[in-house]
N, C-alpha and C. Protein backbone atom coordinates (compact mmCIF):
# COMPACT_ATOMS: atom_id res chain seq x y z
N MET A 1 -38.43 -20.95 -49.57
CA MET A 1 -38.12 -22.54 -49.27
C MET A 1 -37.35 -22.34 -47.86
N ALA A 2 -37.55 -23.37 -47.19
CA ALA A 2 -36.79 -23.41 -45.83
C ALA A 2 -35.29 -24.08 -46.00
N LEU A 3 -34.50 -23.37 -45.12
CA LEU A 3 -32.85 -23.76 -45.15
C LEU A 3 -32.81 -25.06 -44.35
N ALA A 4 -32.04 -25.86 -44.82
CA ALA A 4 -31.94 -27.02 -44.14
C ALA A 4 -30.86 -27.02 -43.08
N VAL A 5 -31.13 -27.63 -41.96
CA VAL A 5 -30.32 -27.55 -40.73
C VAL A 5 -30.41 -29.10 -40.21
N ARG A 6 -29.12 -29.48 -40.21
CA ARG A 6 -28.96 -31.11 -39.95
C ARG A 6 -28.33 -31.23 -38.78
N VAL A 7 -28.91 -32.04 -37.76
CA VAL A 7 -27.87 -32.39 -36.41
C VAL A 7 -27.72 -33.92 -36.35
N VAL A 8 -26.59 -34.42 -36.47
CA VAL A 8 -25.93 -35.61 -36.07
C VAL A 8 -25.55 -35.69 -34.74
N TYR A 9 -26.35 -36.54 -34.01
CA TYR A 9 -25.84 -36.59 -32.41
C TYR A 9 -25.71 -38.12 -32.00
N CYS A 10 -25.07 -38.23 -30.94
CA CYS A 10 -24.97 -39.88 -30.29
C CYS A 10 -26.38 -40.04 -29.81
N GLY A 11 -26.61 -41.24 -30.47
CA GLY A 11 -27.93 -41.97 -30.19
C GLY A 11 -27.81 -42.28 -28.65
N ALA A 12 -26.84 -42.41 -27.88
CA ALA A 12 -26.81 -42.76 -26.42
C ALA A 12 -27.02 -41.62 -25.59
N GLY A 13 -28.07 -40.96 -25.97
CA GLY A 13 -28.59 -40.09 -24.86
C GLY A 13 -28.46 -38.47 -25.12
N TYR A 14 -28.12 -38.07 -26.47
CA TYR A 14 -28.01 -36.77 -26.87
C TYR A 14 -29.25 -36.33 -27.29
N LYS A 15 -30.28 -37.04 -27.48
CA LYS A 15 -31.53 -36.55 -28.22
C LYS A 15 -32.40 -35.34 -27.61
N PRO A 16 -32.24 -35.37 -26.16
CA PRO A 16 -32.95 -34.35 -25.51
C PRO A 16 -32.18 -32.79 -25.86
N LYS A 17 -30.82 -32.95 -25.90
CA LYS A 17 -30.05 -31.68 -26.40
C LYS A 17 -30.46 -31.34 -27.80
N TYR A 18 -30.65 -32.25 -28.66
CA TYR A 18 -30.91 -32.08 -30.06
C TYR A 18 -32.28 -31.31 -30.12
N LEU A 19 -33.24 -31.89 -29.43
CA LEU A 19 -34.71 -31.26 -29.31
C LEU A 19 -34.68 -29.97 -28.76
N GLN A 20 -33.91 -29.76 -27.75
CA GLN A 20 -33.85 -28.49 -27.06
C GLN A 20 -33.15 -27.52 -28.16
N LEU A 21 -32.19 -27.81 -28.69
CA LEU A 21 -31.35 -26.99 -29.70
C LEU A 21 -32.63 -26.74 -30.94
N LYS A 22 -33.28 -27.88 -31.37
CA LYS A 22 -34.37 -27.71 -32.46
C LYS A 22 -35.32 -26.63 -32.18
N LYS A 23 -35.94 -26.56 -30.77
CA LYS A 23 -37.18 -25.77 -30.43
C LYS A 23 -36.34 -24.25 -30.46
N LYS A 24 -35.23 -24.22 -29.92
CA LYS A 24 -34.75 -22.89 -29.73
C LYS A 24 -34.50 -22.25 -31.02
N LEU A 25 -33.89 -23.04 -32.13
CA LEU A 25 -33.70 -22.49 -33.51
C LEU A 25 -35.19 -22.21 -34.14
N GLU A 26 -36.10 -23.13 -34.15
CA GLU A 26 -37.47 -22.95 -34.55
C GLU A 26 -38.16 -21.55 -33.93
N ASP A 27 -37.82 -21.25 -32.57
CA ASP A 27 -38.35 -20.18 -31.96
C ASP A 27 -37.72 -18.89 -32.68
N GLU A 28 -36.37 -19.02 -32.87
CA GLU A 28 -35.57 -17.80 -33.65
C GLU A 28 -35.99 -17.64 -34.99
N PHE A 29 -36.05 -18.77 -35.78
CA PHE A 29 -36.45 -18.63 -37.18
C PHE A 29 -37.82 -19.15 -37.50
N PRO A 30 -38.89 -18.97 -36.97
CA PRO A 30 -40.27 -19.44 -37.23
C PRO A 30 -40.60 -19.72 -38.73
N GLY A 31 -40.69 -20.97 -39.12
CA GLY A 31 -41.28 -21.39 -40.49
C GLY A 31 -40.01 -21.33 -41.52
N ARG A 32 -38.79 -20.92 -41.04
CA ARG A 32 -37.82 -20.58 -42.15
C ARG A 32 -36.58 -21.69 -42.11
N LEU A 33 -36.75 -22.82 -41.22
CA LEU A 33 -35.93 -23.86 -41.17
C LEU A 33 -36.49 -25.23 -41.43
N ASP A 34 -35.66 -26.11 -42.11
CA ASP A 34 -36.06 -27.50 -42.10
C ASP A 34 -35.13 -28.45 -41.26
N ILE A 35 -35.16 -28.57 -39.95
CA ILE A 35 -34.51 -28.94 -38.99
C ILE A 35 -34.65 -30.68 -38.89
N SER A 36 -33.44 -31.40 -39.15
CA SER A 36 -33.63 -32.70 -39.13
C SER A 36 -32.51 -33.28 -38.22
N GLY A 37 -32.94 -34.33 -37.28
CA GLY A 37 -31.73 -34.80 -36.47
C GLY A 37 -31.76 -36.22 -36.62
N GLU A 38 -30.43 -36.68 -36.58
CA GLU A 38 -30.40 -38.25 -36.74
C GLU A 38 -29.19 -38.58 -35.65
N GLY A 39 -29.80 -39.47 -34.99
CA GLY A 39 -29.05 -40.29 -33.73
C GLY A 39 -28.22 -41.31 -34.36
N THR A 40 -26.97 -41.44 -33.96
CA THR A 40 -26.07 -42.40 -34.38
C THR A 40 -26.30 -43.80 -33.72
N PRO A 41 -26.27 -44.89 -34.29
CA PRO A 41 -26.52 -46.33 -33.78
C PRO A 41 -25.58 -46.69 -32.59
N GLN A 42 -24.55 -45.97 -32.80
CA GLN A 42 -23.45 -46.52 -31.69
C GLN A 42 -23.09 -45.21 -30.80
N VAL A 43 -22.44 -45.46 -29.78
CA VAL A 43 -21.83 -44.16 -28.98
C VAL A 43 -20.88 -43.59 -29.77
N THR A 44 -20.93 -42.42 -30.04
CA THR A 44 -20.11 -41.66 -30.97
C THR A 44 -19.54 -40.47 -30.17
N GLY A 45 -20.29 -39.71 -29.28
CA GLY A 45 -20.06 -38.42 -28.75
C GLY A 45 -20.17 -37.31 -29.87
N PHE A 46 -20.84 -37.48 -30.89
CA PHE A 46 -21.15 -36.50 -31.91
C PHE A 46 -22.22 -35.58 -31.38
N PHE A 47 -22.12 -34.40 -31.78
CA PHE A 47 -23.11 -33.35 -31.77
C PHE A 47 -22.77 -32.55 -32.82
N GLU A 48 -22.99 -32.81 -34.20
CA GLU A 48 -22.50 -32.02 -35.23
C GLU A 48 -23.69 -31.42 -35.87
N VAL A 49 -23.45 -30.21 -36.24
CA VAL A 49 -24.46 -29.24 -36.86
C VAL A 49 -24.21 -28.70 -38.21
N MET A 50 -25.08 -29.02 -39.12
CA MET A 50 -24.57 -28.51 -40.38
C MET A 50 -25.89 -27.46 -40.90
N VAL A 51 -25.67 -26.52 -41.44
CA VAL A 51 -26.35 -25.45 -42.08
C VAL A 51 -26.02 -25.56 -43.57
N ALA A 52 -27.05 -25.75 -44.29
CA ALA A 52 -27.05 -25.96 -45.70
C ALA A 52 -25.95 -26.58 -46.25
N GLY A 53 -25.49 -27.77 -45.58
CA GLY A 53 -24.59 -28.81 -45.87
C GLY A 53 -23.17 -28.33 -45.29
N LYS A 54 -23.07 -27.21 -44.88
CA LYS A 54 -21.71 -26.74 -44.20
C LYS A 54 -21.52 -27.14 -42.66
N LEU A 55 -20.69 -27.70 -42.38
CA LEU A 55 -20.48 -28.01 -40.81
C LEU A 55 -20.19 -26.78 -40.21
N VAL A 56 -21.00 -26.40 -38.98
CA VAL A 56 -20.71 -25.13 -38.47
C VAL A 56 -20.46 -25.40 -36.96
N HIS A 57 -20.79 -26.55 -36.46
CA HIS A 57 -20.51 -26.75 -34.93
C HIS A 57 -20.10 -28.21 -34.89
N SER A 58 -19.02 -28.68 -34.22
CA SER A 58 -18.68 -29.96 -34.25
C SER A 58 -18.16 -30.10 -32.72
N LYS A 59 -18.92 -31.06 -31.85
CA LYS A 59 -18.32 -31.59 -30.64
C LYS A 59 -17.20 -32.34 -30.80
N LYS A 60 -16.93 -33.27 -31.92
CA LYS A 60 -15.85 -34.07 -31.99
C LYS A 60 -14.64 -33.18 -32.26
N ARG A 61 -14.77 -31.93 -32.82
CA ARG A 61 -13.72 -31.23 -33.11
C ARG A 61 -13.50 -29.98 -32.03
N GLY A 62 -14.32 -30.33 -30.70
CA GLY A 62 -13.95 -29.47 -29.54
C GLY A 62 -14.81 -28.36 -29.39
N ASP A 63 -16.04 -28.30 -30.17
CA ASP A 63 -16.86 -27.32 -29.68
C ASP A 63 -17.91 -27.48 -28.60
N GLY A 64 -18.00 -28.75 -28.32
CA GLY A 64 -18.66 -29.17 -26.99
C GLY A 64 -20.23 -29.17 -27.63
N TYR A 65 -21.14 -29.04 -26.71
CA TYR A 65 -22.50 -29.07 -26.90
C TYR A 65 -22.90 -27.47 -27.23
N VAL A 66 -24.04 -27.31 -27.67
CA VAL A 66 -24.38 -25.89 -27.98
C VAL A 66 -25.37 -25.46 -26.74
N ASP A 67 -24.30 -25.25 -25.59
CA ASP A 67 -24.82 -25.00 -24.28
C ASP A 67 -24.63 -23.65 -23.70
N THR A 68 -24.08 -22.80 -24.64
CA THR A 68 -23.91 -21.27 -24.03
C THR A 68 -24.49 -20.48 -25.14
N GLU A 69 -24.83 -19.06 -24.77
CA GLU A 69 -25.46 -18.25 -25.74
C GLU A 69 -24.49 -18.07 -26.84
N SER A 70 -23.28 -17.79 -26.76
CA SER A 70 -22.34 -17.39 -27.73
C SER A 70 -22.21 -18.78 -28.64
N LYS A 71 -22.33 -19.96 -28.16
CA LYS A 71 -22.36 -21.06 -29.30
C LYS A 71 -23.58 -20.91 -30.21
N PHE A 72 -24.66 -20.63 -29.34
CA PHE A 72 -26.04 -20.38 -30.14
C PHE A 72 -25.98 -19.24 -31.18
N LEU A 73 -25.35 -18.14 -30.61
CA LEU A 73 -25.36 -17.15 -31.62
C LEU A 73 -24.36 -17.29 -32.82
N LYS A 74 -23.42 -18.16 -32.69
CA LYS A 74 -22.55 -18.57 -33.93
C LYS A 74 -23.52 -19.33 -34.87
N LEU A 75 -24.17 -20.08 -34.39
CA LEU A 75 -25.18 -20.88 -35.16
C LEU A 75 -26.21 -19.88 -35.87
N VAL A 76 -26.82 -18.96 -35.11
CA VAL A 76 -27.72 -18.06 -35.69
C VAL A 76 -27.06 -17.27 -36.78
N ALA A 77 -25.85 -16.77 -36.55
CA ALA A 77 -24.98 -15.99 -37.53
C ALA A 77 -24.95 -16.87 -38.75
N ALA A 78 -24.38 -18.07 -38.63
CA ALA A 78 -24.21 -18.94 -39.85
C ALA A 78 -25.66 -19.17 -40.70
N ILE A 79 -26.79 -19.32 -39.79
CA ILE A 79 -28.08 -19.43 -40.42
C ILE A 79 -28.62 -18.02 -41.10
N LYS A 80 -28.32 -17.10 -40.46
CA LYS A 80 -28.56 -15.78 -41.14
C LYS A 80 -27.82 -15.60 -42.41
N ALA A 81 -26.57 -15.87 -42.33
CA ALA A 81 -25.44 -15.76 -43.58
C ALA A 81 -26.26 -16.79 -44.76
N ALA A 82 -26.53 -17.95 -44.42
CA ALA A 82 -27.20 -18.73 -45.49
C ALA A 82 -28.45 -18.33 -45.93
N LEU A 83 -29.20 -17.91 -45.07
CA LEU A 83 -30.72 -17.28 -45.61
C LEU A 83 -30.36 -16.18 -46.62
N ALA A 84 -29.48 -15.29 -46.26
CA ALA A 84 -29.03 -13.98 -47.03
C ALA A 84 -28.75 -14.55 -48.47
N GLN A 85 -28.25 -15.75 -48.52
CA GLN A 85 -27.81 -16.25 -49.86
C GLN A 85 -28.94 -16.79 -50.74
N ASP A 86 -29.84 -17.15 -50.00
CA ASP A 86 -30.96 -17.84 -50.91
C ASP A 86 -31.76 -16.57 -51.61
């Protein structure tokens, strides 16, 4: 069964960042993730990433975008830990 990864992002322009992250995660975990994204209807500044229902990255809490290797590896570690529990 695929692991759920959900991204809620600001609908006012963050969709390309979501699609870039989605592709990178799919390349890292081929066929193992169910990645969904939701753009907010208003300007929110959100870029929130949940793995199996747990918030693991939050732009609103100061994490910024997933724009560095260390931020990406934090997500990879959270996904690997969630997959190990299945």
